[in-house]
N, C-alpha and C. Protein backbone atom coordinates (compact mmCIF):
# COMPACT_ATOMS: atom_id res chain seq x y z
N MET A 1 5.11 2.93 -13.65
CA MET A 1 4.89 4.06 -14.28
C MET A 1 5.38 4.81 -14.16
N TYR A 2 6.98 4.14 -14.31
CA TYR A 2 7.47 5.14 -15.35
C TYR A 2 8.19 4.70 -16.36
N ILE A 3 7.56 3.98 -17.70
CA ILE A 3 7.92 3.79 -18.16
C ILE A 3 7.35 3.80 -19.53
N GLN A 4 7.52 4.88 -20.26
CA GLN A 4 7.11 5.39 -21.29
C GLN A 4 6.59 4.65 -21.97
N GLY A 5 4.71 4.70 -22.14
CA GLY A 5 4.15 3.95 -23.41
C GLY A 5 3.33 2.42 -22.72
N GLN A 6 3.75 3.01 -21.36
CA GLN A 6 2.67 1.58 -20.70
C GLN A 6 1.72 2.51 -20.30
N GLU A 7 0.72 1.53 -19.81
CA GLU A 7 -0.81 2.15 -19.12
C GLU A 7 -0.69 2.22 -18.00
N GLN A 8 0.20 2.68 -17.23
CA GLN A 8 0.64 3.08 -15.76
C GLN A 8 1.31 4.21 -16.35
N TYR A 9 1.92 4.50 -16.74
CA TYR A 9 3.01 5.65 -16.97
C TYR A 9 1.73 6.99 -18.06
N ASN A 10 0.71 6.06 -18.89
CA ASN A 10 -0.11 7.36 -19.43
C ASN A 10 -1.00 7.76 -18.58
N TYR A 11 -1.53 6.97 -17.71
CA TYR A 11 -2.18 7.48 -16.80
C TYR A 11 -1.64 8.34 -15.54
N HIS A 12 -0.59 8.14 -15.17
CA HIS A 12 0.26 9.12 -14.23
C HIS A 12 0.05 10.32 -14.91
N VAL A 13 1.08 10.57 -16.05
CA VAL A 13 1.19 11.24 -16.62
C VAL A 13 -0.35 12.40 -16.79
N GLN A 14 -1.45 11.62 -17.27
CA GLN A 14 -2.69 12.23 -17.77
C GLN A 14 -3.14 12.71 -16.14
N ARG A 15 -2.94 12.01 -14.90
CA ARG A 15 -3.76 12.33 -13.82
C ARG A 15 -2.85 13.28 -12.63
N PHE A 16 -1.46 13.16 -12.94
CA PHE A 16 -0.63 13.80 -12.44
C PHE A 16 0.60 14.84 -12.54
N GLY A 17 0.96 14.22 -14.22
CA GLY A 17 1.93 14.98 -14.73
C GLY A 17 3.28 14.25 -14.89
N ARG A 18 4.12 14.62 -15.22
CA ARG A 18 5.19 13.51 -16.02
C ARG A 18 5.87 13.08 -14.13
N PRO A 19 6.51 11.66 -14.37
CA PRO A 19 7.09 10.93 -13.05
C PRO A 19 7.95 11.71 -13.47
N SER A 20 8.83 12.58 -13.66
CA SER A 20 10.16 13.66 -13.29
C SER A 20 10.01 14.97 -12.39
N LYS A 21 8.41 14.69 -12.73
CA LYS A 21 8.34 15.97 -12.23
C LYS A 21 7.08 16.36 -10.52
N VAL A 22 6.30 15.10 -11.21
CA VAL A 22 5.30 14.57 -10.06
C VAL A 22 5.58 12.66 -10.08
N GLY A 23 6.33 12.26 -8.83
CA GLY A 23 6.63 11.02 -8.68
C GLY A 23 5.47 9.96 -7.69
N TYR A 24 5.65 8.88 -7.32
CA TYR A 24 5.21 8.75 -6.53
C TYR A 24 5.17 9.17 -5.15
N LYS A 25 6.26 9.53 -4.50
CA LYS A 25 6.32 10.14 -3.54
C LYS A 25 5.48 11.65 -3.24
N ASP A 26 5.43 11.93 -4.13
CA ASP A 26 4.48 13.08 -4.35
C ASP A 26 2.60 12.72 -4.26
N THR A 27 2.47 11.63 -4.58
CA THR A 27 0.98 11.23 -4.72
C THR A 27 0.60 10.95 -3.53
N ILE A 28 1.57 9.94 -3.11
CA ILE A 28 1.16 9.19 -1.43
C ILE A 28 0.17 10.20 -0.38
N PRO A 29 0.75 11.45 -0.19
CA PRO A 29 -0.73 12.41 0.43
C PRO A 29 -1.98 11.52 -0.16
N ALA A 30 -1.99 11.97 -1.19
CA ALA A 30 -4.03 11.05 -1.79
C ALA A 30 -4.25 10.06 -1.52
N TRP A 31 -3.38 8.91 -1.01
CA TRP A 31 -3.77 7.34 -0.68
C TRP A 31 -3.81 7.61 0.72
N LYS A 32 -5.75 7.15 0.94
CA LYS A 32 -6.60 6.99 1.99
C LYS A 32 -7.04 5.71 1.95
N ALA A 33 -7.18 4.73 1.49
CA ALA A 33 -7.40 3.11 1.76
C ALA A 33 -8.55 3.71 2.45
N GLU A 34 -9.39 4.81 1.95
CA GLU A 34 -10.97 4.46 3.03
C GLU A 34 -11.67 3.47 2.59
N LYS A 35 -11.41 2.14 1.60
CA LYS A 35 -12.41 1.43 1.89
C LYS A 35 -11.89 0.08 1.97
N PHE A 36 -10.31 -0.10 2.17
CA PHE A 36 -9.26 -1.00 2.38
C PHE A 36 -10.62 -1.51 3.44
N ASP A 37 -10.74 -2.77 4.16
CA ASP A 37 -11.51 -3.25 4.85
C ASP A 37 -10.48 -5.35 4.94
N PRO A 38 -9.46 -4.89 5.94
CA PRO A 38 -8.24 -6.16 6.10
C PRO A 38 -9.03 -7.57 6.42
N GLU A 39 -10.55 -6.75 7.41
CA GLU A 39 -10.85 -8.45 7.62
C GLU A 39 -11.80 -9.06 6.96
N HIS A 40 -12.10 -8.58 5.97
CA HIS A 40 -12.94 -8.67 4.96
C HIS A 40 -12.31 -9.38 4.02
N LEU A 41 -10.90 -8.85 3.39
CA LEU A 41 -9.91 -9.50 2.92
C LEU A 41 -9.84 -10.32 3.51
N MET A 42 -8.97 -10.39 4.50
CA MET A 42 -8.18 -11.97 5.26
C MET A 42 -9.83 -13.41 5.29
N SER A 43 -10.68 -12.95 5.60
CA SER A 43 -11.98 -13.75 5.53
C SER A 43 -12.49 -14.50 3.93
N LEU A 44 -11.70 -13.65 3.17
CA LEU A 44 -11.74 -14.15 1.43
C LEU A 44 -10.84 -14.92 1.34
N TYR A 45 -9.76 -14.76 1.91
CA TYR A 45 -8.59 -15.71 1.69
C TYR A 45 -8.54 -17.18 2.40
N LYS A 46 -9.06 -16.49 3.50
CA LYS A 46 -9.21 -18.04 4.63
C LYS A 46 -11.26 -18.27 4.24
N ASP A 47 -11.86 -17.80 3.38
CA ASP A 47 -12.66 -18.98 2.47
C ASP A 47 -12.54 -19.74 1.45
N ALA A 48 -11.06 -19.14 0.47
CA ALA A 48 -10.65 -19.57 -0.19
C ALA A 48 -9.19 -20.43 -0.17
N GLY A 49 -9.31 -21.40 1.36
CA GLY A 49 -8.47 -21.92 1.35
C GLY A 49 -7.16 -21.96 2.09
N ALA A 50 -6.92 -20.60 1.60
CA ALA A 50 -5.67 -20.34 2.01
C ALA A 50 -4.83 -20.59 3.33
N LYS A 51 -3.94 -21.19 4.01
CA LYS A 51 -3.75 -21.74 5.06
C LYS A 51 -2.57 -20.33 5.97
N TYR A 52 -1.74 -19.25 5.37
CA TYR A 52 -1.25 -17.95 5.53
C TYR A 52 -1.23 -17.10 4.46
N PHE A 53 -1.12 -15.79 4.96
CA PHE A 53 -0.99 -14.85 4.38
C PHE A 53 0.59 -14.14 4.80
N MET A 54 0.78 -13.55 3.71
CA MET A 54 1.92 -12.80 3.74
C MET A 54 1.65 -11.49 2.58
N SER A 55 1.60 -10.86 3.27
CA SER A 55 2.05 -8.75 2.41
C SER A 55 3.89 -8.36 2.32
N MET A 56 3.29 -8.05 1.43
CA MET A 56 4.60 -7.06 1.11
C MET A 56 5.28 -6.20 1.73
N GLY A 57 6.27 -5.73 2.06
CA GLY A 57 7.01 -4.71 3.44
C GLY A 57 7.74 -3.50 2.24
N VAL A 58 7.81 -3.91 1.59
CA VAL A 58 8.22 -2.27 1.02
C VAL A 58 7.55 -2.05 -0.26
N HIS A 59 7.04 -0.98 -0.70
CA HIS A 59 5.94 -1.02 -1.84
C HIS A 59 6.99 -0.63 -3.19
N HIS A 60 6.75 -0.13 -4.30
CA HIS A 60 7.67 0.18 -5.22
C HIS A 60 8.16 1.61 -4.43
N ASP A 61 9.36 1.85 -4.89
CA ASP A 61 9.96 3.48 -4.95
C ASP A 61 10.00 3.75 -3.53
N ASN A 62 10.59 2.60 -2.86
CA ASN A 62 11.40 2.00 -1.09
C ASN A 62 10.30 2.65 -0.44
N PHE A 63 8.53 2.84 -0.59
CA PHE A 63 7.72 2.58 0.70
C PHE A 63 7.79 1.48 1.44
N ASP A 64 8.15 1.68 2.52
CA ASP A 64 7.91 0.97 3.59
C ASP A 64 6.23 0.68 4.13
N MET A 65 6.04 -0.54 3.47
CA MET A 65 4.57 -0.87 4.27
C MET A 65 4.32 -0.97 5.61
N TRP A 66 5.26 -0.66 6.62
CA TRP A 66 5.92 -0.66 8.01
C TRP A 66 6.11 0.35 8.81
N ASN A 67 6.27 0.66 10.24
CA ASN A 67 6.85 1.24 10.75
C ASN A 67 8.20 1.58 11.00
N SER A 68 8.52 2.11 9.43
CA SER A 68 10.31 1.90 9.35
C SER A 68 11.03 3.03 10.16
N LYS A 69 12.07 2.25 10.90
CA LYS A 69 13.24 3.21 11.87
C LYS A 69 14.06 3.92 11.08
N TYR A 70 14.07 3.53 9.83
CA TYR A 70 15.32 3.53 8.76
C TYR A 70 15.12 5.24 8.09
N GLN A 71 13.75 4.94 7.70
CA GLN A 71 13.38 6.40 6.56
C GLN A 71 11.95 7.03 6.94
N ARG A 72 11.44 8.22 6.27
CA ARG A 72 10.26 8.63 6.96
C ARG A 72 9.41 8.17 5.76
N TRP A 73 9.09 7.18 4.57
CA TRP A 73 8.75 6.91 3.75
C TRP A 73 7.84 5.58 3.69
N MET A 74 6.74 5.61 4.39
CA MET A 74 5.90 4.92 5.59
C MET A 74 4.47 5.51 5.78
N PRO A 75 3.09 4.02 5.36
CA PRO A 75 1.79 4.56 5.45
C PRO A 75 1.79 5.28 6.65
N SER A 76 2.36 5.15 7.59
CA SER A 76 2.17 5.86 9.25
C SER A 76 2.19 7.24 9.19
N ILE A 77 3.05 7.63 8.18
CA ILE A 77 3.45 9.20 8.36
C ILE A 77 2.96 10.17 6.81
N TRP A 78 2.47 9.14 6.02
CA TRP A 78 1.73 9.52 4.63
C TRP A 78 0.82 9.33 4.77
N GLY A 79 0.06 9.63 3.42
CA GLY A 79 -1.35 9.19 2.93
C GLY A 79 -1.94 8.64 4.31
N ARG A 80 -2.80 7.50 4.89
CA ARG A 80 -4.01 6.90 5.17
C ARG A 80 -3.28 7.00 7.34
N ARG A 81 -2.31 7.62 7.22
CA ARG A 81 -1.61 7.64 8.41
C ARG A 81 -1.62 6.70 9.47
N ARG A 82 -1.48 5.27 9.16
CA ARG A 82 -1.12 4.28 9.91
C ARG A 82 -0.87 2.93 8.99
N THR A 83 -0.30 2.18 9.38
CA THR A 83 -0.40 1.03 8.63
C THR A 83 -1.54 0.35 8.39
N LEU A 84 -1.52 -0.52 6.85
CA LEU A 84 -2.96 -1.32 6.72
C LEU A 84 -2.85 -1.97 7.69
N TRP A 85 -1.65 -3.46 7.17
CA TRP A 85 -1.94 -4.38 8.15
C TRP A 85 -1.53 -4.43 9.83
N GLY A 86 -0.82 -3.50 10.33
CA GLY A 86 -0.73 -3.21 11.73
C GLY A 86 -1.92 -3.36 12.39
N SER A 87 -3.00 -2.52 12.12
CA SER A 87 -4.17 -2.56 13.19
C SER A 87 -4.83 -3.84 12.88
N GLY A 88 -5.38 -4.70 13.62
CA GLY A 88 -5.65 -5.59 13.46
C GLY A 88 -5.06 -6.63 13.31
N ALA A 89 -3.68 -6.90 13.34
CA ALA A 89 -3.18 -8.58 13.18
C ALA A 89 -3.20 -9.43 14.47
N LYS A 90 -2.96 -9.10 15.11
CA LYS A 90 -3.65 -9.41 16.62
C LYS A 90 -4.15 -10.59 16.24
N ARG A 91 -5.50 -10.00 15.94
CA ARG A 91 -6.76 -10.53 15.87
C ARG A 91 -6.96 -11.30 14.67
N ARG A 92 -6.33 -11.15 13.68
CA ARG A 92 -6.49 -12.34 12.62
C ARG A 92 -5.56 -13.32 12.93
N ARG A 93 -4.69 -12.58 13.81
CA ARG A 93 -3.49 -14.11 14.04
C ARG A 93 -4.12 -15.17 15.21
N GLU A 94 -5.15 -14.77 15.37
CA GLU A 94 -6.32 -15.00 16.74
C GLU A 94 -7.41 -16.30 15.61
N GLN A 95 -7.88 -15.46 14.69
CA GLN A 95 -8.36 -16.23 14.21
C GLN A 95 -7.74 -17.76 13.05
N GLY A 96 -6.62 -17.50 13.61
CA GLY A 96 -6.03 -18.91 12.10
C GLY A 96 -5.29 -17.99 10.99
């Protein structure tokens, strides 16, 4: 979203403004993930034959995808206000 001429950059400029004025950190509060269904997603992976799953730990712009003690840029504070994979992780492990 920071490379001029790229599709993501153009979309960001059109929807939010220039990244130098409205960057990723400014769009985080709008990120709610209302339709995110980790249980369904895991069942799709499992049905496709996946034997294990790994999620990214840090999204771009140093946005931690877990409850970080090192900074405040994480989903438990911004946007959805909880981690996407943390809730239900024990149940998914029990399902293999």
